[in-house]
Each structure stands twice: as C-alpha cells, then as structure tokens.
C-alpha cells in the first residue's frame, strides 16, 4: 500500500486491516454488513479517517459511483467463513459472479475482484483449495487461466482469534492480466 492508494476493506473481519491501512493512507473504505459503532470508535481512538458504509457487499454493495461499483487500488478482505447464499441473494450487480455456486468463498473473492483495480489479498479457508464442485473448479481454473492468482500463502490453524480453521491468503494481481 502506498500513501495515495485507495484501499477497500469489505466484511466485518476486515476492520483490523482497515486500521493498519489507515496508518499508510487516509483513503481507506470499510464496508460492514451489520450496523455497529466499532468502526467509528476505532476512527476516534486511532485518529483515523476510515470511511464507513453499512451494507452487504454480496447482496447490495454500498460503495457505488454513478450506478457502477466503485473501483479501489487495493483490497484487503477477511470475509466470513462457511457462508452460503441463494441465487436470489444477488440483487445488485449479479454480473460479478461468473460461476454458478452458492459457496461464499467464491462469491467473496469475485466481489473483491469486481471492485479492485490492482491487487487484492483475501483470507479464505483452505477448503476452497481442495473442494471440487463444478463452480469452485471453474473458479480456480479461471484464476489460473487469467493469471490473476499471484500467490497462495497457507497459514497455520488457530492463527485467527475467531476460528481454528486452517486458512490461506490469496494474493490476486489484476495488473498481471
């Protein structure tokens, strides 16, 4: 992250990423599904300037400019694990989701890619690396075919305070396309 970069942090788990990003750039945009004072308290305590929007990034994204999804230089996302969605959940901007899947991991990464210009880092459970349902297989093949996937960094279990599930970081580089 550079000083002038716009950084997008969707999902509640990304608050700490937004706080850290705010130390480098004051162009940080956080999107929370649940209304909570936590991001505002964080802004006060850290003398930050994180812009906050309360909306569901998957069902109805909040960072929109002129009817189009706003584009950010960098996205850092820690989405919830184990989410499932129904097709009717994709009310706004359904073109973001190429694969027919209800697995949240695929939808979260696709959403992140739809709002990122250069690079994204997304926390995902390791299960996405090994499941072979049609939509996930197509998703992983597309990441490789389009050269979006720059790295997979596997991290040890119990590293996150919210879960002991083993997880990885997907580093996605849209500049390499």
Foldseek 3Di string as FASTA:
>chain_A
DAADFAEEEEEPVCLVVQLVVQVHYLRYEYEYQDDDCVSVVSCVVSVGNYHYDHHHLQQDNDCADPLAHAAGAEYEYEHDAPFFADPNSRHHPPVLQPFPGRHPVLSVVSSRVRRHDFKYKYKYFCVLVPDDDPRSVVSVVVCVVLVQFDDKAWDAAPPDVVGRGTIIITMTTPVVD
